C-alpha atoms as a PDB file:
ATOM      1  CA  MET A   1      39.498 102.993  44.440  1.00  0.00           C
ATOM      2  CA  ILE A   2      40.627 106.448  43.281  1.00  0.00           C
ATOM      3  CA  ARG A   3      39.987 107.022  39.582  1.00  0.00           C
ATOM      4  CA  GLN A   4      43.131 106.787  37.477  1.00  0.00           C
ATOM      5  CA  GLN A   5      42.487 110.206  35.927  1.00  0.00           C
ATOM      6  CA  ILE A   6      42.724 111.749  39.410  1.00  0.00           C
ATOM      7  CA  LYS A   7      45.955 109.871  40.111  1.00  0.00           C
ATOM      8  CA  ASN A   8      47.426 111.054  36.800  1.00  0.00           C
ATOM      9  CA  SER A   9      46.575 114.669  37.663  1.00  0.00           C
ATOM     10  CA  TYR A  10      48.128 114.312  41.115  1.00  0.00           C
ATOM     11  CA  PHE A  11      51.397 112.871  39.804  1.00  0.00           C
ATOM     12  CA  ALA A  12      51.620 115.475  37.042  1.00  0.00           C
ATOM     13  CA  LEU A  13      51.546 118.134  39.773  1.00  0.00           C
ATOM     14  CA  ASN A  14      53.662 116.078  42.145  1.00  0.00           C
ATOM     15  CA  ARG A  15      56.599 116.119  39.734  1.00  0.00           C
ATOM     16  CA  TRP A  16      56.978 119.842  40.420  1.00  0.00           C
ATOM     17  CA  LEU A  17      55.946 119.876  44.090  1.00  0.00           C
ATOM     18  CA  VAL A  18      58.821 117.555  45.040  1.00  0.00           C
ATOM     19  CA  LYS A  19      61.537 119.699  43.401  1.00  0.00           C
ATOM     20  CA  PRO A  20      62.649 121.268  46.728  1.00  0.00           C
ATOM     21  CA  ASN A  21      62.810 117.780  48.284  1.00  0.00           C
ATOM     22  CA  THR A  22      64.966 116.597  45.403  1.00  0.00           C
ATOM     23  CA  LEU A  23      67.420 119.459  45.875  1.00  0.00           C
ATOM     24  CA  LEU A  24      67.641 118.837  49.622  1.00  0.00           C
ATOM     25  CA  ALA A  25      68.160 115.118  49.028  1.00  0.00           C
ATOM     26  CA  ARG A  26      71.113 115.872  46.742  1.00  0.00           C
ATOM     27  CA  LEU A  27      72.776 117.631  49.651  1.00  0.00           C
ATOM     28  CA  ARG A  28      71.796 115.003  52.198  1.00  0.00           C
ATOM     29  CA  TYR A  29      72.954 112.073  50.092  1.00  0.00           C
ATOM     30  CA  ARG A  30      75.971 113.645  48.388  1.00  0.00           C
ATOM     31  CA  ARG A  31      78.030 110.765  49.795  1.00  0.00           C
ATOM     32  CA  ALA A  32      77.169 107.350  51.218  1.00  0.00           C
ATOM     33  CA  SER A  33      77.345 106.961  55.001  1.00  0.00           C
ATOM     34  CA  ASP A  34      79.470 103.815  54.637  1.00  0.00           C
ATOM     35  CA  ALA A  35      81.735 102.235  52.040  1.00  0.00           C
ATOM     36  CA  GLU A  36      79.054  99.796  50.882  1.00  0.00           C
ATOM     37  CA  GLY A  37      76.844 102.431  49.294  1.00  0.00           C
ATOM     38  CA  PHE A  38      73.147 103.288  49.366  1.00  0.00           C
ATOM     39  CA  TYR A  39      70.242 100.845  49.241  1.00  0.00           C
ATOM     40  CA  LEU A  40      67.268 102.269  47.330  1.00  0.00           C
ATOM     41  CA  HIS A  41      63.657 101.095  47.261  1.00  0.00           C
ATOM     42  CA  LEU A  42      62.065 102.893  44.311  1.00  0.00           C
ATOM     43  CA  GLY A  43      58.282 103.217  44.346  1.00  0.00           C
ATOM     44  CA  SER A  44      57.949 101.688  47.794  1.00  0.00           C
ATOM     45  CA  GLY A  45      54.165 102.162  47.982  1.00  0.00           C
ATOM     46  CA  PRO A  46      52.672 100.290  50.969  1.00  0.00           C
ATOM     47  CA  VAL A  47      55.820  98.142  51.441  1.00  0.00           C
ATOM     48  CA  TYR A  48      58.303  99.955  53.684  1.00  0.00           C
ATOM     49  CA  ILE A  49      61.623  98.083  53.959  1.00  0.00           C
ATOM     50  CA  PRO A  50      63.771  98.974  56.993  1.00  0.00           C
ATOM     51  CA  GLY A  51      67.427  99.513  56.123  1.00  0.00           C
ATOM     52  CA  MET A  52      66.661 100.941  52.688  1.00  0.00           C
ATOM     53  CA  ILE A  53      65.920 104.472  51.493  1.00  0.00           C
ATOM     54  CA  ASN A  54      62.233 104.077  50.656  1.00  0.00           C
ATOM     55  CA  ILE A  55      61.289 106.497  47.870  1.00  0.00           C
ATOM     56  CA  GLU A  56      57.652 107.208  47.038  1.00  0.00           C
ATOM     57  CA  GLY A  57      55.639 109.819  45.183  1.00  0.00           C
ATOM     58  CA  ASN A  58      52.412 109.320  47.129  1.00  0.00           C
ATOM     59  CA  ILE A  59      52.576 111.764  50.022  1.00  0.00           C
ATOM     60  CA  MET A  60      50.197 109.580  52.071  1.00  0.00           C
ATOM     61  CA  ARG A  61      52.537 106.572  52.113  1.00  0.00           C
ATOM     62  CA  ARG A  62      55.223 105.875  54.705  1.00  0.00           C
ATOM     63  CA  LYS A  63      58.586 106.701  53.125  1.00  0.00           C
ATOM     64  CA  ASP A  64      62.036 108.182  53.660  1.00  0.00           C
ATOM     65  CA  LEU A  65      61.991 110.413  50.593  1.00  0.00           C
ATOM     66  CA  TRP A  66      59.006 112.045  48.894  1.00  0.00           C
ATOM     67  CA  LEU A  67      60.193 112.231  45.276  1.00  0.00           C
ATOM     68  CA  ASP A  68      58.966 111.676  41.739  1.00  0.00           C
ATOM     69  CA  LEU A  69      60.752 108.978  39.778  1.00  0.00           C
ATOM     70  CA  GLN A  70      60.306 110.929  36.551  1.00  0.00           C
ATOM     71  CA  ASN A  71      62.894 113.356  37.938  1.00  0.00           C
ATOM     72  CA  PRO A  72      66.612 112.483  38.154  1.00  0.00           C
ATOM     73  CA  LEU A  73      67.562 110.486  41.237  1.00  0.00           C
ATOM     74  CA  PRO A  74      69.303 112.699  43.830  1.00  0.00           C
ATOM     75  CA  PHE A  75      72.284 110.373  44.313  1.00  0.00           C
ATOM     76  CA  PRO A  76      75.849 110.633  42.972  1.00  0.00           C
ATOM     77  CA  ASP A  77      77.150 108.475  40.144  1.00  0.00           C
ATOM     78  CA  ARG A  78      78.125 104.948  41.226  1.00  0.00           C
ATOM     79  CA  SER A  79      77.017 105.501  44.836  1.00  0.00           C
ATOM     80  CA  VAL A  80      74.307 102.806  45.170  1.00  0.00           C
ATOM     81  CA  TYR A  81      74.929  99.157  45.974  1.00  0.00           C
ATOM     82  CA  PHE A  82      71.368  97.861  45.596  1.00  0.00           C
ATOM     83  CA  VAL A  83      68.193  99.084  43.893  1.00  0.00           C
ATOM     84  CA  TYR A  84      64.841  97.394  44.417  1.00  0.00           C
ATOM     85  CA  CYS A  85      62.007  98.428  42.100  1.00  0.00           C
ATOM     86  CA  SER A  86      58.995  96.129  42.428  1.00  0.00           C
ATOM     87  CA  HIS A  87      55.829  96.659  40.367  1.00  0.00           C
ATOM     88  CA  THR A  88      56.633 100.287  39.661  1.00  0.00           C
ATOM     89  CA  LEU A  89      58.158 100.421  36.169  1.00  0.00           C
ATOM     90  CA  GLU A  90      54.896  99.414  34.465  1.00  0.00           C
ATOM     91  CA  HIS A  91      53.256 102.612  35.767  1.00  0.00           C
ATOM     92  CA  PHE A  92      55.425 104.651  33.366  1.00  0.00           C
ATOM     93  CA  TYR A  93      55.276 105.120  29.615  1.00  0.00           C
ATOM     94  CA  PRO A  94      58.198 103.486  27.759  1.00  0.00           C
ATOM     95  CA  ASP A  95      60.269 106.674  27.415  1.00  0.00           C
ATOM     96  CA  GLU A  96      59.775 107.414  31.136  1.00  0.00           C
ATOM     97  CA  ALA A  97      60.721 103.852  32.058  1.00  0.00           C
ATOM     98  CA  MET A  98      63.865 104.128  29.933  1.00  0.00           C
ATOM     99  CA  GLN A  99      64.795 107.362  31.691  1.00  0.00           C
ATOM    100  CA  LEU A 100      64.416 105.688  35.092  1.00  0.00           C
ATOM    101  CA  LEU A 101      66.513 102.695  33.991  1.00  0.00           C
ATOM    102  CA  ARG A 102      69.251 105.073  32.815  1.00  0.00           C
ATOM    103  CA  GLU A 103      69.173 106.778  36.197  1.00  0.00           C
ATOM    104  CA  ILE A 104      69.441 103.406  37.958  1.00  0.00           C
ATOM    105  CA  HIS A 105      72.424 102.563  35.750  1.00  0.00           C
ATOM    106  CA  ARG A 106      74.034 105.926  36.510  1.00  0.00           C
ATOM    107  CA  VAL A 107      73.830 105.618  40.298  1.00  0.00           C
ATOM    108  CA  LEU A 108      74.653 101.893  40.529  1.00  0.00           C
ATOM    109  CA  ARG A 109      78.138 100.899  41.645  1.00  0.00           C
ATOM    110  CA  ASP A 110      80.246  98.615  39.481  1.00  0.00           C
ATOM    111  CA  ASP A 111      79.618  95.793  41.977  1.00  0.00           C
ATOM    112  CA  GLY A 112      75.976  96.778  42.517  1.00  0.00           C
ATOM    113  CA  VAL A 113      72.768  95.090  41.412  1.00  0.00           C
ATOM    114  CA  ALA A 114      69.213  96.196  40.643  1.00  0.00           C
ATOM    115  CA  ARG A 115      66.246  93.851  41.118  1.00  0.00           C
ATOM    116  CA  ILE A 116      63.315  94.871  38.920  1.00  0.00           C
ATOM    117  CA  ALA A 117      59.897  93.194  39.098  1.00  0.00           C
ATOM    118  CA  THR A 118      56.880  93.874  36.880  1.00  0.00           C
ATOM    119  CA  PRO A 119      53.786  91.993  35.744  1.00  0.00           C
ATOM    120  CA  SER A 120      54.871  89.348  33.248  1.00  0.00           C
ATOM    121  CA  PHE A 121      53.525  89.164  29.707  1.00  0.00           C
ATOM    122  CA  GLU A 122      54.309  85.437  29.778  1.00  0.00           C
ATOM    123  CA  HIS A 123      52.073  85.063  32.834  1.00  0.00           C
ATOM    124  CA  ALA A 124      49.351  87.041  31.043  1.00  0.00           C
ATOM    125  CA  LEU A 125      49.482  84.451  28.252  1.00  0.00           C
ATOM    126  CA  GLU A 126      48.983  81.721  30.869  1.00  0.00           C
ATOM    127  CA  ILE A 127      45.922  83.573  32.176  1.00  0.00           C
ATOM    128  CA  ALA A 128      44.624  83.943  28.609  1.00  0.00           C
ATOM    129  CA  ALA A 129      44.966  80.163  28.261  1.00  0.00           C
ATOM    130  CA  GLY A 130      42.793  79.603  31.359  1.00  0.00           C
ATOM    131  CA  HIS A 131      45.160  79.950  34.344  1.00  0.00           C
ATOM    132  CA  PRO A 132      43.201  81.625  37.169  1.00  0.00           C
ATOM    133  CA  ALA A 133      44.001  85.291  37.722  1.00  0.00           C
ATOM    134  CA  GLU A 134      44.886  86.418  41.234  1.00  0.00           C
ATOM    135  CA  ASP A 135      43.401  89.577  42.773  1.00  0.00           C
ATOM    136  CA  PRO A 136      41.838  90.959  39.558  1.00  0.00           C
ATOM    137  CA  GLN A 137      40.789  94.611  39.347  1.00  0.00           C
ATOM    138  CA  ARG A 138      37.789  93.594  37.209  1.00  0.00           C
ATOM    139  CA  ALA A 139      36.337  90.124  36.868  1.00  0.00           C
ATOM    140  CA  PHE A 140      35.845  88.725  33.353  1.00  0.00           C
ATOM    141  CA  SER A 141      34.361  85.398  32.363  1.00  0.00           C
ATOM    142  CA  ASP A 142      36.554  85.543  29.251  1.00  0.00           C
ATOM    143  CA  PRO A 143      40.178  84.549  30.068  1.00  0.00           C
ATOM    144  CA  HIS A 144      41.460  86.999  27.436  1.00  0.00           C
ATOM    145  CA  GLY A 145      39.710  89.841  29.247  1.00  0.00           C
ATOM    146  CA  GLN A 146      41.210  88.620  32.525  1.00  0.00           C
ATOM    147  CA  ALA A 147      44.694  88.594  30.962  1.00  0.00           C
ATOM    148  CA  ILE A 148      44.245  92.181  29.757  1.00  0.00           C
ATOM    149  CA  ASP A 149      43.053  93.178  33.241  1.00  0.00           C
ATOM    150  CA  TYR A 150      46.185  91.559  34.754  1.00  0.00           C
ATOM    151  CA  LEU A 151      48.539  93.417  32.432  1.00  0.00           C
ATOM    152  CA  PHE A 152      46.959  96.866  32.578  1.00  0.00           C
ATOM    153  CA  CYS A 153      45.344  96.803  36.030  1.00  0.00           C
ATOM    154  CA  ASP A 154      42.224  98.772  35.085  1.00  0.00           C
ATOM    155  CA  GLY A 155      44.290 101.478  33.369  1.00  0.00           C
ATOM    156  CA  GLN A 156      46.914 101.929  36.101  1.00  0.00           C
ATOM    157  CA  HIS A 157      49.680 100.329  34.028  1.00  0.00           C
ATOM    158  CA  LYS A 158      51.109 102.128  30.995  1.00  0.00           C
ATOM    159  CA  TYR A 159      53.174  99.317  29.457  1.00  0.00           C
ATOM    160  CA  ALA A 160      53.732  95.549  29.595  1.00  0.00           C
ATOM    161  CA  TYR A 161      56.976  93.587  29.856  1.00  0.00           C
ATOM    162  CA  SER A 162      58.241  90.234  28.718  1.00  0.00           C
ATOM    163  CA  PHE A 163      61.837  89.286  29.494  1.00  0.00           C
ATOM    164  CA  THR A 164      62.941  90.137  25.951  1.00  0.00           C
ATOM    165  CA  VAL A 165      61.354  93.606  26.189  1.00  0.00           C
ATOM    166  CA  MET A 166      62.954  94.229  29.598  1.00  0.00           C
ATOM    167  CA  GLU A 167      66.284  92.994  28.278  1.00  0.00           C
ATOM    168  CA  ARG A 168      66.095  95.384  25.313  1.00  0.00           C
ATOM    169  CA  PHE A 169      65.241  98.332  27.573  1.00  0.00           C
ATOM    170  CA  ALA A 170      68.010  97.425  30.037  1.00  0.00           C
ATOM    171  CA  ARG A 171      70.659  97.117  27.325  1.00  0.00           C
ATOM    172  CA  ASP A 172      69.582 100.437  25.826  1.00  0.00           C
ATOM    173  CA  ALA A 173      69.988 101.932  29.318  1.00  0.00           C
ATOM    174  CA  GLY A 174      73.580 100.676  29.466  1.00  0.00           C
ATOM    175  CA  PHE A 175      73.314  97.425  31.449  1.00  0.00           C
ATOM    176  CA  THR A 176      75.362  94.435  30.310  1.00  0.00           C
ATOM    177  CA  GLY A 177      74.441  91.885  32.992  1.00  0.00           C
ATOM    178  CA  ILE A 178      70.754  90.958  32.647  1.00  0.00           C
ATOM    179  CA  THR A 179      69.410  87.814  34.336  1.00  0.00           C
ATOM    180  CA  ASN A 180      65.871  86.453  34.420  1.00  0.00           C
ATOM    181  CA  HIS A 181      64.965  85.216  37.921  1.00  0.00           C
ATOM    182  CA  SER A 182      61.242  84.748  37.292  1.00  0.00           C
ATOM    183  CA  ALA A 183      61.479  80.972  37.733  1.00  0.00           C
ATOM    184  CA  ASP A 184      63.008  81.448  41.204  1.00  0.00           C
ATOM    185  CA  PRO A 185      60.855  84.103  42.930  1.00  0.00           C
ATOM    186  CA  ALA A 186      61.955  83.216  46.466  1.00  0.00           C
ATOM    187  CA  PRO A 187      63.227  86.055  48.673  1.00  0.00           C
ATOM    188  CA  LYS A 188      66.927  86.721  48.186  1.00  0.00           C
ATOM    189  CA  ARG A 189      69.591  88.557  50.167  1.00  0.00           C
ATOM    190  CA  TYR A 190      71.491  91.447  48.612  1.00  0.00           C
ATOM    191  CA  GLY A 191      74.163  92.595  51.034  1.00  0.00           C
ATOM    192  CA  LYS A 192      72.413  93.555  54.280  1.00  0.00           C
ATOM    193  CA  ILE A 193      68.873  93.422  52.801  1.00  0.00           C
ATOM    194  CA  GLU A 194      66.585  90.521  51.937  1.00  0.00           C
ATOM    195  CA  VAL A 195      63.774  91.233  49.467  1.00  0.00           C
ATOM    196  CA  GLY A 196      61.349  89.214  47.412  1.00  0.00           C
ATOM    197  CA  ASP A 197      57.835  87.941  47.915  1.00  0.00           C
ATOM    198  CA  GLU A 198      56.755  89.559  44.643  1.00  0.00           C
ATOM    199  CA  LEU A 199      53.273  89.007  43.274  1.00  0.00           C
ATOM    200  CA  ALA A 200      52.607  85.601  41.706  1.00  0.00           C
ATOM    201  CA  GLY A 201      53.648  85.435  38.058  1.00  0.00           C
ATOM    202  CA  SER A 202      55.978  88.442  38.265  1.00  0.00           C
ATOM    203  CA  LEU A 203      58.789  89.046  35.815  1.00  0.00           C
ATOM    204  CA  ILE A 204      61.882  89.339  38.034  1.00  0.00           C
ATOM    205  CA  VAL A 205      65.126  90.569  36.511  1.00  0.00           C
ATOM    206  CA  GLU A 206      68.545  91.326  37.981  1.00  0.00           C
ATOM    207  CA  LEU A 207      70.538  94.083  36.286  1.00  0.00           C
ATOM    208  CA  ARG A 208      74.269  94.737  36.608  1.00  0.00           C
ATOM    209  CA  ARG A 209      76.463  97.337  34.973  1.00  0.00           C
END
């Protein structure tokens, strides 16, 4: 595994390297190709979803757009029908996460929806109480240590979310429709795209303007 300090240095530089790509994307996506609007997959990582614009900062990943999510999204206001952001928001500090949520709100259509998934603080409490952790970065005999490992992923994650924290952030970003879907993690269809299959114990929230 690449040390987190190296990743942090890369993404600090990446924010500036992708500037030309961002400008070109503004021209390319100045209007949606159909009346339905864009479908965005933010922080696509190793999961490439056909039919969506897969946006990723890691130049080594398969993607449609090499961007940095700390920069403004290169899409017009109210031009996006669906945003999928799975296990990405926790990699940002709170002020950066708020900025991204505001950008999602800006580009989302009035009839659009954003599906946001992050590690769940409630699930971390279950792990702390003895629930087995899945795919830990570091193994701990102490369940509290395992819960901390789940939430912060060996230093990769910058913040943790419960539903009430996510709700507060989303309302501050301008969203009024905020629904917790964590109890029903099954894949779901949004227009022409079906997504889901998030990691076990994920916090899953739908956001609407």
